[in-house]
């Protein structure tokens, strides 16, 4: 069981490094045509979507709901101070 877990960890590290490198390469290519702020915004949105997909696949989305409610309440409480 330990060897299988170690192999899975190695494969996940390789996949993560590959995804990071690919993301970096595409960001540098897009930088010639798209403003930096839009690239950062797109990366953030795509990262959030991937994270939500992973959490959904693991069955952890219901655990995220109370934390999101607390964050939303906190933002709403301080919304008037921002204006």
PDB file of N, CA and C in Angstrom:
ATOM      1  N   UNK A   1       0.829  -1.202   0.000  1.00  0.00           N
ATOM      2  CA  UNK A   1       0.000   0.000   0.000  1.00  0.00           C
ATOM      3  C   UNK A   1       0.867   1.258   0.000  1.00  0.00           C
ATOM      4  N   UNK A   2       1.969   1.238   0.746  1.00  0.00           N
ATOM      5  CA  UNK A   2       2.837   2.406   0.825  1.00  0.00           C
ATOM      6  C   UNK A   2       3.492   2.707  -0.525  1.00  0.00           C
ATOM      7  N   UNK A   3       3.909   1.684  -1.237  1.00  0.00           N
ATOM      8  CA  UNK A   3       4.541   1.879  -2.545  1.00  0.00           C
ATOM      9  C   UNK A   3       3.554   2.489  -3.537  1.00  0.00           C
ATOM     10  N   UNK A   4       2.305   2.071  -3.479  1.00  0.00           N
ATOM     11  CA  UNK A   4       1.286   2.614  -4.375  1.00  0.00           C
ATOM     12  C   UNK A   4       1.022   4.084  -4.052  1.00  0.00           C
ATOM     13  N   UNK A   5       1.010   4.400  -2.768  1.00  0.00           N
ATOM     14  CA  UNK A   5       0.785   5.779  -2.348  1.00  0.00           C
ATOM     15  C   UNK A   5       1.956   6.666  -2.774  1.00  0.00           C
ATOM     16  N   UNK A   6       3.169   6.162  -2.651  1.00  0.00           N
ATOM     17  CA  UNK A   6       4.351   6.924  -3.059  1.00  0.00           C
ATOM     18  C   UNK A   6       4.349   7.147  -4.570  1.00  0.00           C
ATOM     19  N   UNK A   7       3.965   6.127  -5.321  1.00  0.00           N
ATOM     20  CA  UNK A   7       3.908   6.252  -6.778  1.00  0.00           C
ATOM     21  C   UNK A   7       2.865   7.295  -7.181  1.00  0.00           C
ATOM     22  N   UNK A   8       1.740   7.285  -6.505  1.00  0.00           N
ATOM     23  CA  UNK A   8       0.689   8.263  -6.792  1.00  0.00           C
ATOM     24  C   UNK A   8       1.178   9.674  -6.498  1.00  0.00           C
ATOM     25  N   UNK A   9       1.891   9.833  -5.387  1.00  0.00           N
ATOM     26  CA  UNK A   9       2.436  11.142  -5.033  1.00  0.00           C
ATOM     27  C   UNK A   9       3.434  11.640  -6.065  1.00  0.00           C
ATOM     28  N   UNK A  10       4.285  10.743  -6.540  1.00  0.00           N
ATOM     29  CA  UNK A  10       5.265  11.114  -7.567  1.00  0.00           C
ATOM     30  C   UNK A  10       4.553  11.554  -8.835  1.00  0.00           C
ATOM     31  N   UNK A  11       3.550  10.791  -9.251  1.00  0.00           N
ATOM     32  CA  UNK A  11       2.813  11.141 -10.470  1.00  0.00           C
ATOM     33  C   UNK A  11       2.078  12.465 -10.324  1.00  0.00           C
ATOM     34  N   UNK A  12       1.531  12.727  -9.152  1.00  0.00           N
ATOM     35  CA  UNK A  12       0.845  14.000  -8.921  1.00  0.00           C
ATOM     36  C   UNK A  12       1.823  15.176  -8.943  1.00  0.00           C
ATOM     37  N   UNK A  13       3.026  14.971  -8.407  1.00  0.00           N
ATOM     38  CA  UNK A  13       4.046  16.025  -8.451  1.00  0.00           C
ATOM     39  C   UNK A  13       4.474  16.313  -9.880  1.00  0.00           C
ATOM     40  N   UNK A  14       4.653  15.272 -10.677  1.00  0.00           N
ATOM     41  CA  UNK A  14       5.023  15.452 -12.084  1.00  0.00           C
ATOM     42  C   UNK A  14       3.905  16.174 -12.832  1.00  0.00           C
ATOM     43  N   UNK A  15       2.664  15.768 -12.586  1.00  0.00           N
ATOM     44  CA  UNK A  15       1.522  16.416 -13.249  1.00  0.00           C
ATOM     45  C   UNK A  15       1.422  17.878 -12.838  1.00  0.00           C
ATOM     46  N   UNK A  16       1.578  18.157 -11.560  1.00  0.00           N
ATOM     47  CA  UNK A  16       1.505  19.537 -11.083  1.00  0.00           C
ATOM     48  C   UNK A  16       2.589  20.414 -11.678  1.00  0.00           C
ATOM     49  N   UNK A  17       3.808  19.894 -11.738  1.00  0.00           N
ATOM     50  CA  UNK A  17       4.913  20.652 -12.329  1.00  0.00           C
ATOM     51  C   UNK A  17       4.685  20.889 -13.821  1.00  0.00           C
ATOM     52  N   UNK A  18       4.148  19.884 -14.493  1.00  0.00           N
ATOM     53  CA  UNK A  18       3.859  20.031 -15.925  1.00  0.00           C
ATOM     54  C   UNK A  18       2.778  21.075 -16.168  1.00  0.00           C
ATOM     55  N   UNK A  19       1.741  21.040 -15.362  1.00  0.00           N
ATOM     56  CA  UNK A  19       0.651  22.013 -15.501  1.00  0.00           C
ATOM     57  C   UNK A  19       1.159  23.422 -15.214  1.00  0.00           C
ATOM     58  N   UNK A  20       1.981  23.559 -14.171  1.00  0.00           N
ATOM     59  CA  UNK A  20       2.534  24.874 -13.840  1.00  0.00           C
ATOM     60  C   UNK A  20       3.398  25.405 -14.981  1.00  0.00           C
ATOM     61  N   UNK A  21       4.250  24.556 -15.537  1.00  0.00           N
ATOM     62  CA  UNK A  21       5.124  24.976 -16.642  1.00  0.00           C
ATOM     63  C   UNK A  21       4.314  25.353 -17.882  1.00  0.00           C
ATOM     64  N   UNK A  22       3.297  24.565 -18.186  1.00  0.00           N
ATOM     65  CA  UNK A  22       2.451  24.851 -19.344  1.00  0.00           C
ATOM     66  C   UNK A  22       1.701  26.169 -19.150  1.00  0.00           C
ATOM     67  N   UNK A  23       1.170  26.369 -17.963  1.00  0.00           N
ATOM     68  CA  UNK A  23       0.463  27.605 -17.648  1.00  0.00           C
ATOM     69  C   UNK A  23       1.395  28.799 -17.805  1.00  0.00           C
ATOM     70  N   UNK A  24       2.613  28.674 -17.313  1.00  0.00           N
ATOM     71  CA  UNK A  24       3.587  29.754 -17.417  1.00  0.00           C
ATOM     72  C   UNK A  24       3.932  30.054 -18.877  1.00  0.00           C
ATOM     73  N   UNK A  25       4.130  29.004 -19.669  1.00  0.00           N
ATOM     74  CA  UNK A  25       4.469  29.193 -21.085  1.00  0.00           C
ATOM     75  C   UNK A  25       3.336  29.881 -21.837  1.00  0.00           C
ATOM     76  N   UNK A  26       2.110  29.435 -21.625  1.00  0.00           N
ATOM     77  CA  UNK A  26       0.975  30.052 -22.306  1.00  0.00           C
ATOM     78  C   UNK A  26       0.757  31.490 -21.840  1.00  0.00           C
ATOM     79  N   UNK A  27       1.011  31.760 -20.566  1.00  0.00           N
ATOM     80  CA  UNK A  27       0.878  33.126 -20.064  1.00  0.00           C
ATOM     81  C   UNK A  27       1.880  34.044 -20.742  1.00  0.00           C
ATOM     82  N   UNK A  28       3.102  33.564 -20.927  1.00  0.00           N
ATOM     83  CA  UNK A  28       4.122  34.383 -21.584  1.00  0.00           C
ATOM     84  C   UNK A  28       3.783  34.611 -23.057  1.00  0.00           C
ATOM     85  N   UNK A  29       3.218  33.614 -23.712  1.00  0.00           N
ATOM     86  CA  UNK A  29       2.797  33.792 -25.101  1.00  0.00           C
ATOM     87  C   UNK A  29       1.651  34.793 -25.208  1.00  0.00           C
ATOM     88  N   UNK A  30       0.708  34.710 -24.282  1.00  0.00           N
ATOM     89  CA  UNK A  30      -0.459  35.594 -24.314  1.00  0.00           C
ATOM     90  C   UNK A  30      -0.102  37.023 -23.939  1.00  0.00           C
ATOM     91  N   UNK A  31       0.980  37.194 -23.195  1.00  0.00           N
ATOM     92  CA  UNK A  31       1.373  38.516 -22.729  1.00  0.00           C
ATOM     93  C   UNK A  31       1.632  39.485 -23.888  1.00  0.00           C
ATOM     94  N   UNK A  32       1.970  38.963 -25.050  1.00  0.00           N
ATOM     95  CA  UNK A  32       2.210  39.818 -26.213  1.00  0.00           C
ATOM     96  C   UNK A  32       0.911  40.417 -26.758  1.00  0.00           C
ATOM     97  N   UNK A  33      -0.225  39.808 -26.419  1.00  0.00           N
ATOM     98  CA  UNK A  33      -1.504  40.228 -26.997  1.00  0.00           C
ATOM     99  C   UNK A  33      -2.536  40.681 -25.964  1.00  0.00           C
ATOM    100  N   UNK A  34      -2.353  40.300 -24.712  1.00  0.00           N
ATOM    101  CA  UNK A  34      -3.358  40.558 -23.679  1.00  0.00           C
ATOM    102  C   UNK A  34      -2.685  41.285 -22.513  1.00  0.00           C
ATOM    103  N   UNK A  35      -3.348  42.292 -21.919  1.00  0.00           N
ATOM    104  CA  UNK A  35      -2.773  42.977 -20.756  1.00  0.00           C
ATOM    105  C   UNK A  35      -2.550  42.019 -19.576  1.00  0.00           C
ATOM    106  N   UNK A  36      -1.544  42.333 -18.786  1.00  0.00           N
ATOM    107  CA  UNK A  36      -1.173  41.492 -17.648  1.00  0.00           C
ATOM    108  C   UNK A  36      -2.335  41.279 -16.686  1.00  0.00           C
ATOM    109  N   UNK A  37      -3.109  42.321 -16.433  1.00  0.00           N
ATOM    110  CA  UNK A  37      -4.225  42.199 -15.483  1.00  0.00           C
ATOM    111  C   UNK A  37      -5.260  41.177 -15.960  1.00  0.00           C
ATOM    112  N   UNK A  38      -5.512  41.127 -17.263  1.00  0.00           N
ATOM    113  CA  UNK A  38      -6.473  40.151 -17.781  1.00  0.00           C
ATOM    114  C   UNK A  38      -5.920  38.734 -17.683  1.00  0.00           C
ATOM    115  N   UNK A  39      -4.633  38.569 -17.915  1.00  0.00           N
ATOM    116  CA  UNK A  39      -4.025  37.243 -17.785  1.00  0.00           C
ATOM    117  C   UNK A  39      -4.128  36.763 -16.345  1.00  0.00           C
ATOM    118  N   UNK A  40      -3.819  37.650 -15.395  1.00  0.00           N
ATOM    119  CA  UNK A  40      -3.911  37.270 -13.980  1.00  0.00           C
ATOM    120  C   UNK A  40      -5.348  36.937 -13.578  1.00  0.00           C
ATOM    121  N   UNK A  41      -6.291  37.712 -14.088  1.00  0.00           N
ATOM    122  CA  UNK A  41      -7.699  37.443 -13.778  1.00  0.00           C
ATOM    123  C   UNK A  41      -8.133  36.086 -14.345  1.00  0.00           C
ATOM    124  N   UNK A  42      -7.729  35.813 -15.593  1.00  0.00           N
ATOM    125  CA  UNK A  42      -8.095  34.527 -16.212  1.00  0.00           C
ATOM    126  C   UNK A  42      -7.459  33.362 -15.465  1.00  0.00           C
ATOM    127  N   UNK A  43      -6.200  33.521 -15.056  1.00  0.00           N
ATOM    128  CA  UNK A  43      -5.531  32.457 -14.302  1.00  0.00           C
ATOM    129  C   UNK A  43      -6.252  32.202 -12.977  1.00  0.00           C
ATOM    130  N   UNK A  44      -6.677  33.284 -12.323  1.00  0.00           N
ATOM    131  CA  UNK A  44      -7.380  33.135 -11.053  1.00  0.00           C
ATOM    132  C   UNK A  44      -8.714  32.428 -11.207  1.00  0.00           C
ATOM    133  N   UNK A  45      -9.471  32.811 -12.229  1.00  0.00           N
ATOM    134  CA  UNK A  45     -10.773  32.177 -12.471  1.00  0.00           C
ATOM    135  C   UNK A  45     -10.592  30.705 -12.831  1.00  0.00           C
ATOM    136  N   UNK A  46      -9.649  30.420 -13.709  1.00  0.00           N
ATOM    137  CA  UNK A  46      -9.417  29.019 -14.098  1.00  0.00           C
ATOM    138  C   UNK A  46      -8.931  28.188 -12.914  1.00  0.00           C
ATOM    139  N   UNK A  47      -8.069  28.763 -12.074  1.00  0.00           N
ATOM    140  CA  UNK A  47      -7.599  28.043 -10.897  1.00  0.00           C
ATOM    141  C   UNK A  47      -8.753  27.740  -9.945  1.00  0.00           C
ATOM    142  N   UNK A  48      -9.651  28.710  -9.772  1.00  0.00           N
ATOM    143  CA  UNK A  48     -10.815  28.494  -8.908  1.00  0.00           C
ATOM    144  C   UNK A  48     -11.725  27.403  -9.465  1.00  0.00           C
ATOM    145  N   UNK A  49     -11.917  27.399 -10.788  1.00  0.00           N
ATOM    146  CA  UNK A  49     -12.754  26.361 -11.403  1.00  0.00           C
ATOM    147  C   UNK A  49     -12.134  24.976 -11.249  1.00  0.00           C
ATOM    148  N   UNK A  50     -10.824  24.896 -11.427  1.00  0.00           N
ATOM    149  CA  UNK A  50     -10.139  23.605 -11.246  1.00  0.00           C
ATOM    150  C   UNK A  50     -10.251  23.159  -9.791  1.00  0.00           C
ATOM    151  N   UNK A  51     -10.055  24.083  -8.867  1.00  0.00           N
ATOM    152  CA  UNK A  51     -10.168  23.745  -7.450  1.00  0.00           C
ATOM    153  C   UNK A  51     -11.572  23.260  -7.103  1.00  0.00           C
ATOM    154  N   UNK A  52     -12.585  23.937  -7.619  1.00  0.00           N
ATOM    155  CA  UNK A  52     -13.958  23.502  -7.373  1.00  0.00           C
ATOM    156  C   UNK A  52     -14.225  22.121  -7.975  1.00  0.00           C
ATOM    157  N   UNK A  53     -13.665  21.857  -9.151  1.00  0.00           N
ATOM    158  CA  UNK A  53     -13.837  20.543  -9.773  1.00  0.00           C
ATOM    159  C   UNK A  53     -13.174  19.457  -8.938  1.00  0.00           C
ATOM    160  N   UNK A  54     -11.984  19.740  -8.431  1.00  0.00           N
ATOM    161  CA  UNK A  54     -11.278  18.760  -7.594  1.00  0.00           C
ATOM    162  C   UNK A  54     -12.050  18.530  -6.295  1.00  0.00           C
ATOM    163  N   UNK A  55     -12.496  19.602  -5.666  1.00  0.00           N
ATOM    164  CA  UNK A  55     -13.274  19.452  -4.431  1.00  0.00           C
ATOM    165  C   UNK A  55     -14.573  18.701  -4.682  1.00  0.00           C
ATOM    166  N   UNK A  56     -15.215  18.974  -5.812  1.00  0.00           N
ATOM    167  CA  UNK A  56     -16.442  18.251  -6.161  1.00  0.00           C
ATOM    168  C   UNK A  56     -16.166  16.775  -6.378  1.00  0.00           C
ATOM    169  N   UNK A  57     -15.061  16.466  -7.052  1.00  0.00           N
ATOM    170  CA  UNK A  57     -14.701  15.074  -7.281  1.00  0.00           C
ATOM    171  C   UNK A  57     -14.384  14.330  -5.998  1.00  0.00           C
ATOM    172  N   UNK A  58     -13.875  15.065  -5.011  1.00  0.00           N
ATOM    173  CA  UNK A  58     -13.555  14.450  -3.716  1.00  0.00           C
ATOM    174  C   UNK A  58     -14.761  14.443  -2.777  1.00  0.00           C
ATOM    175  N   UNK A  59     -15.844  15.082  -3.200  1.00  0.00           N
ATOM    176  CA  UNK A  59     -17.034  15.140  -2.348  1.00  0.00           C
ATOM    177  C   UNK A  59     -16.910  16.141  -1.211  1.00  0.00           C
ATOM    178  N   UNK A  60     -16.058  17.154  -1.382  1.00  0.00           N
ATOM    179  CA  UNK A  60     -15.808  18.120  -0.314  1.00  0.00           C
ATOM    180  C   UNK A  60     -16.530  19.452  -0.485  1.00  0.00           C
ATOM    181  N   UNK A  61     -17.335  19.596  -1.527  1.00  0.00           N
ATOM    182  CA  UNK A  61     -18.042  20.863  -1.720  1.00  0.00           C
ATOM    183  C   UNK A  61     -19.008  21.200  -0.581  1.00  0.00           C
ATOM    184  N   UNK A  62     -19.742  20.232  -0.018  1.00  0.00           N
ATOM    185  CA  UNK A  62     -20.611  20.587   1.116  1.00  0.00           C
ATOM    186  C   UNK A  62     -19.836  21.137   2.313  1.00  0.00           C
ATOM    187  N   UNK A  63     -18.594  20.701   2.506  1.00  0.00           N
ATOM    188  CA  UNK A  63     -17.793  21.212   3.621  1.00  0.00           C
ATOM    189  C   UNK A  63     -17.355  22.642   3.378  1.00  0.00           C
ATOM    190  N   UNK A  64     -17.330  23.075   2.131  1.00  0.00           N
ATOM    191  CA  UNK A  64     -16.909  24.423   1.777  1.00  0.00           C
ATOM    192  C   UNK A  64     -18.012  25.453   2.017  1.00  0.00           C
ATOM    193  N   UNK A  65     -19.257  25.018   1.983  1.00  0.00           N
ATOM    194  CA  UNK A  65     -20.390  25.942   2.086  1.00  0.00           C
ATOM    195  C   UNK A  65     -20.394  26.778   3.371  1.00  0.00           C
ATOM    196  N   UNK A  66     -20.203  26.213   4.571  1.00  0.00           N
ATOM    197  CA  UNK A  66     -20.201  27.064   5.780  1.00  0.00           C
ATOM    198  C   UNK A  66     -19.076  28.099   5.756  1.00  0.00           C
ATOM    199  N   UNK A  67     -17.925  27.743   5.228  1.00  0.00           N
ATOM    200  CA  UNK A  67     -16.812  28.689   5.167  1.00  0.00           C
ATOM    201  C   UNK A  67     -17.126  29.829   4.211  1.00  0.00           C
ATOM    202  N   UNK A  68     -17.789  29.526   3.110  1.00  0.00           N
ATOM    203  CA  UNK A  68     -18.164  30.565   2.159  1.00  0.00           C
ATOM    204  C   UNK A  68     -19.206  31.499   2.774  1.00  0.00           C
ATOM    205  N   UNK A  69     -20.112  30.952   3.572  1.00  0.00           N
ATOM    206  CA  UNK A  69     -21.128  31.777   4.223  1.00  0.00           C
ATOM    207  C   UNK A  69     -20.480  32.747   5.205  1.00  0.00           C
ATOM    208  N   UNK A  70     -19.482  32.295   5.944  1.00  0.00           N
ATOM    209  CA  UNK A  70     -18.769  33.168   6.879  1.00  0.00           C
ATOM    210  C   UNK A  70     -18.038  34.265   6.119  1.00  0.00           C
ATOM    211  N   UNK A  71     -17.374  33.905   5.025  1.00  0.00           N
ATOM    212  CA  UNK A  71     -16.653  34.896   4.221  1.00  0.00           C
ATOM    213  C   UNK A  71     -17.624  35.920   3.636  1.00  0.00           C
ATOM    214  N   UNK A  72     -18.757  35.457   3.139  1.00  0.00           N
ATOM    215  CA  UNK A  72     -19.753  36.359   2.561  1.00  0.00           C
ATOM    216  C   UNK A  72     -20.282  37.330   3.620  1.00  0.00           C
ATOM    217  N   UNK A  73     -20.568  36.826   4.804  1.00  0.00           N
ATOM    218  CA  UNK A  73     -21.056  37.668   5.895  1.00  0.00           C
ATOM    219  C   UNK A  73     -20.013  38.708   6.272  1.00  0.00           C
ATOM    220  N   UNK A  74     -18.757  38.298   6.324  1.00  0.00           N
ATOM    221  CA  UNK A  74     -17.667  39.212   6.663  1.00  0.00           C
ATOM    222  C   UNK A  74     -17.533  40.314   5.606  1.00  0.00           C
ATOM    223  N   UNK A  75     -17.635  39.955   4.349  1.00  0.00           N
ATOM    224  CA  UNK A  75     -17.535  40.935   3.264  1.00  0.00           C
ATOM    225  C   UNK A  75     -18.706  41.908   3.326  1.00  0.00           C
ATOM    226  N   UNK A  76     -19.902  41.397   3.533  1.00  0.00           N
ATOM    227  CA  UNK A  76     -21.095  42.245   3.608  1.00  0.00           C
ATOM    228  C   UNK A  76     -21.021  43.210   4.783  1.00  0.00           C
ATOM    229  N   UNK A  77     -20.446  42.751   5.906  1.00  0.00           N
ATOM    230  CA  UNK A  77     -20.343  43.609   7.095  1.00  0.00           C
ATOM    231  C   UNK A  77     -19.402  44.784   6.843  1.00  0.00           C
ATOM    232  N   UNK A  78     -18.379  44.577   6.032  1.00  0.00           N
ATOM    233  CA  UNK A  78     -17.407  45.630   5.782  1.00  0.00           C
ATOM    234  C   UNK A  78     -17.651  46.367   4.469  1.00  0.00           C
ATOM    235  N   UNK A  79     -18.740  46.047   3.808  1.00  0.00           N
ATOM    236  CA  UNK A  79     -19.023  46.643   2.500  1.00  0.00           C
ATOM    237  C   UNK A  79     -19.229  48.153   2.598  1.00  0.00           C
ATOM    238  N   UNK A  80     -19.833  48.621   3.648  1.00  0.00           N
ATOM    239  CA  UNK A  80     -20.104  50.056   3.775  1.00  0.00           C
ATOM    240  C   UNK A  80     -18.821  50.841   4.042  1.00  0.00           C
ATOM    241  N   UNK A  81     -17.832  50.228   4.638  1.00  0.00           N
ATOM    242  CA  UNK A  81     -16.582  50.940   4.917  1.00  0.00           C
ATOM    243  C   UNK A  81     -15.751  51.128   3.652  1.00  0.00           C
ATOM    244  N   UNK A  82     -15.975  50.307   2.642  1.00  0.00           N
ATOM    245  CA  UNK A  82     -15.217  50.400   1.397  1.00  0.00           C
ATOM    246  C   UNK A  82     -15.681  51.586   0.572  1.00  0.00           C
ATOM    247  N   UNK A  83     -16.958  51.856   0.581  1.00  0.00           N
ATOM    248  CA  UNK A  83     -17.521  52.957  -0.220  1.00  0.00           C
ATOM    249  C   UNK A  83     -16.988  54.227   0.303  1.00  0.00           C
TER     250      UNK A  83
END
